[in-house]
C-alpha atoms as a PDB file:
ATOM      1  CA  MET A   1       0.076  -0.200  -0.515  1.00  0.00           C
ATOM      2  CA  LYS A   2       0.985   3.360  -1.000  1.00  0.00           C
ATOM      3  CA  GLU A   3       2.875   5.467   2.536  1.00  0.00           C
ATOM      4  CA  ASN A   4       0.972   7.815   4.392  1.00  0.00           C
ATOM      5  CA  MET A   5       1.465  11.215   3.124  1.00  0.00           C
ATOM      6  CA  SER A   6       1.658  14.705   4.814  1.00  0.00           C
ATOM      7  CA  PHE A   7      -0.750  17.552   4.731  1.00  0.00           C
ATOM      8  CA  GLU A   8       2.054  19.188   2.503  1.00  0.00           C
ATOM      9  CA  LEU A   9       2.535  16.391   0.078  1.00  0.00           C
ATOM     10  CA  LYS A  10      -1.156  15.674  -0.587  1.00  0.00           C
ATOM     11  CA  ALA A  11      -1.933  19.201  -1.340  1.00  0.00           C
ATOM     12  CA  ALA A  12       1.930  18.978  -3.364  1.00  0.00           C
ATOM     13  CA  ARG A  13       0.814  16.468  -5.279  1.00  0.00           C
ATOM     14  CA  GLU A  14      -2.799  18.225  -6.150  1.00  0.00           C
ATOM     15  CA  GLU A  15      -0.901  20.842  -7.477  1.00  0.00           C
ATOM     16  CA  VAL A  16       1.115  18.713  -9.744  1.00  0.00           C
ATOM     17  CA  VAL A  17      -2.066  17.100 -10.764  1.00  0.00           C
ATOM     18  CA  ARG A  18      -3.890  20.742 -11.061  1.00  0.00           C
ATOM     19  CA  ALA A  19      -0.944  21.622 -13.660  1.00  0.00           C
ATOM     20  CA  GLN A  20      -1.244  18.263 -15.559  1.00  0.00           C
ATOM     21  CA  VAL A  21      -5.098  19.424 -16.275  1.00  0.00           C
ATOM     22  CA  GLU A  22      -4.307  22.625 -17.272  1.00  0.00           C
ATOM     23  CA  ARG A  23      -1.781  21.385 -19.574  1.00  0.00           C
ATOM     24  CA  PHE A  24      -4.185  19.174 -21.283  1.00  0.00           C
ATOM     25  CA  GLN A  25      -6.350  21.735 -21.647  1.00  0.00           C
ATOM     26  CA  ASN A  26      -4.280  23.916 -23.179  1.00  0.00           C
ATOM     27  CA  PHE A  27      -3.035  21.626 -25.409  1.00  0.00           C
ATOM     28  CA  TYR A  28      -6.061  20.295 -26.147  1.00  0.00           C
ATOM     29  CA  SER A  29      -8.586  23.095 -26.102  1.00  0.00           C
ATOM     30  CA  SER A  30     -10.640  22.595 -29.102  1.00  0.00           C
ATOM     31  CA  TYR A  31     -11.571  19.289 -27.741  1.00  0.00           C
ATOM     32  CA  PHE A  32     -12.754  20.565 -24.766  1.00  0.00           C
ATOM     33  CA  ASN A  33     -15.208  23.223 -26.530  1.00  0.00           C
ATOM     34  CA  ARG A  34     -16.226  20.854 -29.328  1.00  0.00           C
ATOM     35  CA  LYS A  35     -19.737  19.242 -28.542  1.00  0.00           C
ATOM     36  CA  GLU A  36     -19.014  15.934 -30.017  1.00  0.00           C
ATOM     37  CA  THR A  37     -15.953  15.608 -27.763  1.00  0.00           C
ATOM     38  CA  ILE A  38     -16.338  17.833 -24.794  1.00  0.00           C
ATOM     39  CA  ALA A  39     -17.110  14.561 -22.548  1.00  0.00           C
ATOM     40  CA  MET A  40     -14.334  12.622 -24.011  1.00  0.00           C
ATOM     41  CA  ALA A  41     -11.610  15.114 -23.722  1.00  0.00           C
ATOM     42  CA  LYS A  42     -12.924  15.499 -19.746  1.00  0.00           C
ATOM     43  CA  PHE A  43     -12.872  11.861 -19.368  1.00  0.00           C
ATOM     44  CA  PHE A  44      -9.197  11.338 -20.551  1.00  0.00           C
ATOM     45  CA  PHE A  45      -7.696  14.615 -19.471  1.00  0.00           C
ATOM     46  CA  GLU A  46      -9.714  15.076 -16.315  1.00  0.00           C
ATOM     47  CA  THR A  47     -11.615  12.113 -14.795  1.00  0.00           C
ATOM     48  CA  VAL A  48      -8.535   9.942 -15.088  1.00  0.00           C
ATOM     49  CA  TYR A  49      -6.344  12.340 -13.062  1.00  0.00           C
ATOM     50  CA  ASN A  50      -9.262  14.168 -10.451  1.00  0.00           C
ATOM     51  CA  LEU A  51      -8.602  13.029  -6.983  1.00  0.00           C
ATOM     52  CA  GLU A  52     -11.777  12.857  -6.071  1.00  0.00           C
ATOM     53  CA  GLY A  53     -12.650   9.629  -4.545  1.00  0.00           C
ATOM     54  CA  LYS A  54      -9.488   8.039  -4.784  1.00  0.00           C
ATOM     55  CA  GLU A  55      -8.735   6.550  -1.814  1.00  0.00           C
ATOM     56  CA  GLU A  56     -11.914   4.585  -2.377  1.00  0.00           C
ATOM     57  CA  TRP A  57     -10.838   3.839  -5.565  1.00  0.00           C
ATOM     58  CA  GLU A  58      -7.385   2.567  -5.184  1.00  0.00           C
ATOM     59  CA  THR A  59      -8.657   0.595  -1.705  1.00  0.00           C
ATOM     60  CA  LEU A  60     -10.865  -1.021  -3.919  1.00  0.00           C
ATOM     61  CA  ALA A  61      -8.373  -1.683  -6.471  1.00  0.00           C
ATOM     62  CA  PHE A  62      -5.963  -3.488  -4.458  1.00  0.00           C
ATOM     63  CA  ASN A  63      -8.129  -4.957  -1.897  1.00  0.00           C
ATOM     64  CA  THR A  64     -11.259  -6.199  -3.338  1.00  0.00           C
ATOM     65  CA  TYR A  65     -10.579  -6.411  -7.482  1.00  0.00           C
ATOM     66  CA  ALA A  66      -8.602  -9.557  -7.567  1.00  0.00           C
ATOM     67  CA  LYS A  67     -11.238 -11.419  -5.490  1.00  0.00           C
ATOM     68  CA  VAL A  68     -13.982 -10.919  -8.121  1.00  0.00           C
ATOM     69  CA  LYS A  69     -11.979  -9.976 -11.598  1.00  0.00           C
ATOM     70  CA  HIS A  70     -13.063 -13.064 -12.721  1.00  0.00           C
ATOM     71  CA  MET A  71     -16.692 -12.787 -12.409  1.00  0.00           C
ATOM     72  CA  MET A  72     -16.500  -9.912 -15.179  1.00  0.00           C
ATOM     73  CA  LYS A  73     -16.294  -9.722 -18.737  1.00  0.00           C
ATOM     74  CA  GLU A  74     -13.207 -10.311 -20.248  1.00  0.00           C
ATOM     75  CA  GLY A  75     -13.748  -6.768 -22.112  1.00  0.00           C
ATOM     76  CA  THR A  76     -14.829  -5.114 -19.007  1.00  0.00           C
ATOM     77  CA  ARG A  77     -12.116  -6.467 -16.749  1.00  0.00           C
ATOM     78  CA  GLU A  78      -9.423  -5.298 -19.167  1.00  0.00           C
ATOM     79  CA  SER A  79     -10.390  -1.682 -19.280  1.00  0.00           C
ATOM     80  CA  VAL A  80     -10.727  -1.647 -15.409  1.00  0.00           C
ATOM     81  CA  GLU A  81      -7.235  -3.040 -15.098  1.00  0.00           C
ATOM     82  CA  ARG A  82      -5.615  -0.643 -17.491  1.00  0.00           C
ATOM     83  CA  LEU A  83      -7.152   2.221 -15.671  1.00  0.00           C
ATOM     84  CA  ILE A  84      -5.351   0.378 -12.463  1.00  0.00           C
ATOM     85  CA  GLU A  85      -2.287   0.335 -14.021  1.00  0.00           C
ATOM     86  CA  LEU A  86      -1.945   3.752 -15.202  1.00  0.00           C
ATOM     87  CA  ASN A  87      -3.756   5.091 -11.523  1.00  0.00           C
ATOM     88  CA  THR A  88      -0.519   2.923 -10.029  1.00  0.00           C
ATOM     89  CA  ILE A  89       2.184   4.732 -12.864  1.00  0.00           C
ATOM     90  CA  THR A  90       0.501   8.024 -12.806  1.00  0.00           C
ATOM     91  CA  ASP A  91      -0.089   7.896  -8.838  1.00  0.00           C
ATOM     92  CA  GLU A  92       3.917   7.093  -7.812  1.00  0.00           C
ATOM     93  CA  LEU A  93       5.012   9.860 -10.522  1.00  0.00           C
ATOM     94  CA  ASP A  94       2.942  12.537  -9.003  1.00  0.00           C
ATOM     95  CA  ILE A  95       4.183  11.866  -5.650  1.00  0.00           C
ATOM     96  CA  LYS A  96       7.654  12.142  -6.659  1.00  0.00           C
ATOM     97  CA  LEU A  97       6.943  15.084  -8.479  1.00  0.00           C
ATOM     98  CA  GLY A  98       4.876  16.658  -4.992  1.00  0.00           C
ATOM     99  CA  LYS A  99       7.941  16.051  -3.333  1.00  0.00           C
ATOM    100  CA  LEU A 100      10.375  17.863  -5.627  1.00  0.00           C
ATOM    101  CA  LEU A 101       8.225  20.578  -5.278  1.00  0.00           C
ATOM    102  CA  LEU A 102       8.543  20.655  -1.886  1.00  0.00           C
ATOM    103  CA  GLU A 103      12.025  20.239  -2.074  1.00  0.00           C
ATOM    104  CA  HIS A 104      12.148  23.702  -3.974  1.00  0.00           C
ATOM    105  CA  GLY A 105      10.249  25.627  -1.518  1.00  0.00           C
ATOM    106  CA  TRP A 106       6.756  25.319  -2.974  1.00  0.00           C
ATOM    107  CA  LYS A 107       4.162  26.333  -0.352  1.00  0.00           C
ATOM    108  CA  THR A 108       0.644  24.836   0.166  1.00  0.00           C
ATOM    109  CA  GLY A 109      -1.853  27.393  -2.392  1.00  0.00           C
ATOM    110  CA  THR A 110       0.788  28.237  -4.801  1.00  0.00           C
ATOM    111  CA  LYS A 111       0.162  27.479  -8.266  1.00  0.00           C
ATOM    112  CA  ILE A 112       2.934  26.862 -10.666  1.00  0.00           C
ATOM    113  CA  THR A 113       3.190  28.032 -14.133  1.00  0.00           C
ATOM    114  CA  GLU A 114       3.306  25.378 -17.046  1.00  0.00           C
ATOM    115  CA  GLU A 115       7.123  26.372 -17.512  1.00  0.00           C
ATOM    116  CA  GLU A 116       7.599  25.568 -13.873  1.00  0.00           C
ATOM    117  CA  TYR A 117       5.664  22.361 -14.279  1.00  0.00           C
ATOM    118  CA  PHE A 118       7.860  21.152 -17.358  1.00  0.00           C
ATOM    119  CA  GLU A 119      11.209  21.838 -15.288  1.00  0.00           C
ATOM    120  CA  ARG A 120       9.807  20.082 -12.606  1.00  0.00           C
ATOM    121  CA  PHE A 121       9.117  17.291 -14.555  1.00  0.00           C
ATOM    122  CA  ARG A 122      11.870  17.043 -16.631  1.00  0.00           C
ATOM    123  CA  GLU A 123      14.427  17.760 -13.426  1.00  0.00           C
ATOM    124  CA  LEU A 124      12.678  14.433 -11.609  1.00  0.00           C
ATOM    125  CA  GLY A 125      13.677  12.278 -14.829  1.00  0.00           C
ATOM    126  CA  GLU A 126      11.857   8.956 -15.105  1.00  0.00           C
ATOM    127  CA  SER A 127      11.573   9.033 -18.384  1.00  0.00           C
ATOM    128  CA  GLN A 128      10.957   5.337 -19.032  1.00  0.00           C
ATOM    129  CA  SER A 129       8.100   5.598 -16.442  1.00  0.00           C
ATOM    130  CA  ARG A 130       6.966   8.724 -18.259  1.00  0.00           C
ATOM    131  CA  LYS A 131       7.302   6.282 -21.687  1.00  0.00           C
ATOM    132  CA  LYS A 132       5.293   3.594 -19.942  1.00  0.00           C
ATOM    133  CA  GLN A 133       2.833   6.153 -18.487  1.00  0.00           C
ATOM    134  CA  LEU A 134       1.858   7.783 -21.878  1.00  0.00           C
ATOM    135  CA  GLU A 135       2.204   3.836 -23.644  1.00  0.00           C
ATOM    136  CA  VAL A 136      -0.758   3.240 -21.485  1.00  0.00           C
ATOM    137  CA  VAL A 137      -2.660   6.428 -22.112  1.00  0.00           C
ATOM    138  CA  LEU A 138      -2.934   6.140 -25.800  1.00  0.00           C
ATOM    139  CA  PHE A 139      -3.558   1.988 -25.398  1.00  0.00           C
ATOM    140  CA  ASN A 140      -6.266   3.623 -22.834  1.00  0.00           C
ATOM    141  CA  LEU A 141      -7.547   6.091 -25.518  1.00  0.00           C
ATOM    142  CA  ARG A 142      -8.110   3.636 -28.355  1.00  0.00           C
ATOM    143  CA  LYS A 143      -9.222   0.747 -26.436  1.00  0.00           C
ATOM    144  CA  PHE A 144     -12.462   2.569 -24.627  1.00  0.00           C
ATOM    145  CA  TYR A 145     -13.188   3.751 -28.234  1.00  0.00           C
ATOM    146  CA  ASP A 146     -13.101   0.555 -29.809  1.00  0.00           C
ATOM    147  CA  LEU A 147     -15.107  -0.911 -26.829  1.00  0.00           C
ATOM    148  CA  ALA A 148     -17.393   2.002 -26.973  1.00  0.00           C
ATOM    149  CA  HIS A 149     -17.770   1.036 -30.858  1.00  0.00           C
ATOM    150  CA  ARG A 150     -19.157  -2.250 -30.512  1.00  0.00           C
ATOM    151  CA  PRO A 151     -22.825  -2.309 -30.936  1.00  0.00           C
ATOM    152  CA  ILE A 152     -23.133  -5.723 -28.744  1.00  0.00           C
ATOM    153  CA  ASN A 153     -21.622  -3.721 -25.948  1.00  0.00           C
ATOM    154  CA  SER A 154     -24.674  -1.329 -25.967  1.00  0.00           C
ATOM    155  CA  TYR A 155     -26.446  -4.593 -24.474  1.00  0.00           C
ATOM    156  CA  ILE A 156     -23.601  -5.403 -21.836  1.00  0.00           C
ATOM    157  CA  MET A 157     -23.026  -1.914 -19.998  1.00  0.00           C
ATOM    158  CA  LYS A 158     -26.067  -1.848 -18.023  1.00  0.00           C
ATOM    159  CA  PRO A 159     -25.545  -5.547 -17.029  1.00  0.00           C
ATOM    160  CA  ALA A 160     -22.194  -4.905 -16.142  1.00  0.00           C
ATOM    161  CA  ALA A 161     -22.815  -1.991 -14.471  1.00  0.00           C
ATOM    162  CA  VAL A 162     -25.497  -4.355 -11.930  1.00  0.00           C
ATOM    163  CA  MET A 163     -22.651  -6.918 -11.671  1.00  0.00           C
ATOM    164  CA  ALA A 164     -20.187  -4.098 -10.762  1.00  0.00           C
ATOM    165  CA  ARG A 165     -22.549  -3.008  -7.951  1.00  0.00           C
ATOM    166  CA  MET A 166     -23.320  -6.574  -6.831  1.00  0.00           C
ATOM    167  CA  LEU A 167     -19.676  -7.331  -6.378  1.00  0.00           C
ATOM    168  CA  GLY A 168     -18.716  -4.141  -4.317  1.00  0.00           C
ATOM    169  CA  VAL A 169     -16.689  -2.878  -6.950  1.00  0.00           C
ATOM    170  CA  TYR A 170     -18.723   0.308  -8.868  1.00  0.00           C
ATOM    171  CA  PRO A 171     -16.446   2.685  -8.209  1.00  0.00           C
ATOM    172  CA  LEU A 172     -13.778   0.943 -10.421  1.00  0.00           C
ATOM    173  CA  PHE A 173     -16.563   0.209 -13.022  1.00  0.00           C
ATOM    174  CA  LYS A 174     -17.607   3.729 -12.588  1.00  0.00           C
ATOM    175  CA  LYS A 175     -14.722   5.302 -14.247  1.00  0.00           C
ATOM    176  CA  VAL A 176     -14.984   2.178 -17.663  1.00  0.00           C
ATOM    177  CA  GLU A 177     -18.637   3.381 -18.018  1.00  0.00           C
ATOM    178  CA  GLN A 178     -17.517   7.387 -18.029  1.00  0.00           C
ATOM    179  CA  GLY A 179     -15.048   6.246 -20.717  1.00  0.00           C
ATOM    180  CA  TYR A 180     -17.508   4.334 -22.763  1.00  0.00           C
ATOM    181  CA  TYR A 181     -20.430   7.388 -22.868  1.00  0.00           C
ATOM    182  CA  GLY A 182     -17.946  10.028 -23.148  1.00  0.00           C
ATOM    183  CA  THR A 183     -16.157   8.559 -26.662  1.00  0.00           C
ATOM    184  CA  LEU A 184     -19.814   7.014 -27.622  1.00  0.00           C
ATOM    185  CA  PRO A 185     -21.004  10.097 -29.632  1.00  0.00           C
ATOM    186  CA  VAL A 186     -17.746  10.463 -31.294  1.00  0.00           C
ATOM    187  CA  SER A 187     -17.473   9.454 -34.735  1.00  0.00           C
ATOM    188  CA  GLN A 188     -14.119   7.852 -36.367  1.00  0.00           C
ATOM    189  CA  GLU A 189     -13.073  10.759 -38.371  1.00  0.00           C
ATOM    190  CA  ILE A 190     -12.928  12.956 -35.567  1.00  0.00           C
ATOM    191  CA  PHE A 191     -11.512  10.361 -32.746  1.00  0.00           C
ATOM    192  CA  ASN A 192      -8.574   9.321 -35.642  1.00  0.00           C
ATOM    193  CA  SER A 193      -8.091  13.490 -35.523  1.00  0.00           C
ATOM    194  CA  PHE A 194      -8.120  13.334 -31.500  1.00  0.00           C
ATOM    195  CA  PHE A 195      -5.805  10.075 -31.374  1.00  0.00           C
ATOM    196  CA  ASP A 196      -3.281  11.572 -33.708  1.00  0.00           C
ATOM    197  CA  GLU A 197      -2.980  15.004 -32.222  1.00  0.00           C
ATOM    198  CA  VAL A 198      -2.610  13.474 -28.809  1.00  0.00           C
ATOM    199  CA  GLU A 199      -0.196  11.116 -29.828  1.00  0.00           C
ATOM    200  CA  LYS A 200       1.995  13.664 -31.600  1.00  0.00           C
ATOM    201  CA  ARG A 201       1.509  16.426 -28.951  1.00  0.00           C
ATOM    202  CA  GLU A 202       2.559  14.047 -26.368  1.00  0.00           C
ATOM    203  CA  TRP A 203       5.447  12.582 -27.985  1.00  0.00           C
ATOM    204  CA  GLU A 204       6.926  16.132 -28.227  1.00  0.00           C
ATOM    205  CA  PHE A 205       6.286  16.861 -24.621  1.00  0.00           C
ATOM    206  CA  LEU A 206       8.593  13.723 -23.813  1.00  0.00           C
ATOM    207  CA  PHE A 207      10.983  14.170 -26.120  1.00  0.00           C
ATOM    208  CA  ARG A 208      11.404  17.819 -24.983  1.00  0.00           C
ATOM    209  CA  ALA A 209      12.164  16.836 -21.764  1.00  0.00           C
ATOM    210  CA  PHE A 210      13.915  13.256 -22.489  1.00  0.00           C
ATOM    211  CA  PRO A 211      15.735  13.602 -25.490  1.00  0.00           C
ATOM    212  CA  GLU A 212      17.210  10.291 -25.089  1.00  0.00           C
ATOM    213  CA  LEU A 213      13.638   9.028 -25.498  1.00  0.00           C
ATOM    214  CA  GLU A 214      13.791   9.616 -29.554  1.00  0.00           C
ATOM    215  CA  LYS A 215      17.236   7.348 -30.034  1.00  0.00           C
END
């Protein structure tokens, strides 16, 4: 289980998350303001990184999910597990970045700029973990879109939600549900454009921070 964090470290991690979400909102502003893609953009760039209910989510992921995952459909199980994987990688990196902020004298309630975020991001290092994080993000993007656009899944989602409630893991499934309904109204053409832009810009961001990843 994760270490107990001080009030200061929790606040620093929250600032890391806020700065990251703000970066996404700036990078992909057109998708946050386009009717067909608002829900999708909010899911992948806000909901996935949101700390609200995080402790309950993690407790279920680590203590309960393993006991009930065999009772879920393969597609649902894979989606939950990919979100757990992304959450684990991201949380570890956010905590490390929060510690680095504190080492630089960051004070609770202070907002860091996009430039400051990038400097700490680069200073922290962890290039291989960042690479893995991005690979999982891109996989999830594609997987959730495919999940939402398989006709049979429109008949599976509601029973799956009922099953998740019965098994006591609905908070885990809820994020899958949000991803499903967020990508459902998005056409293939718009999704491809969105995916291509995210893939291009996020790799560029990583390569700017860690040029060695381009080799």
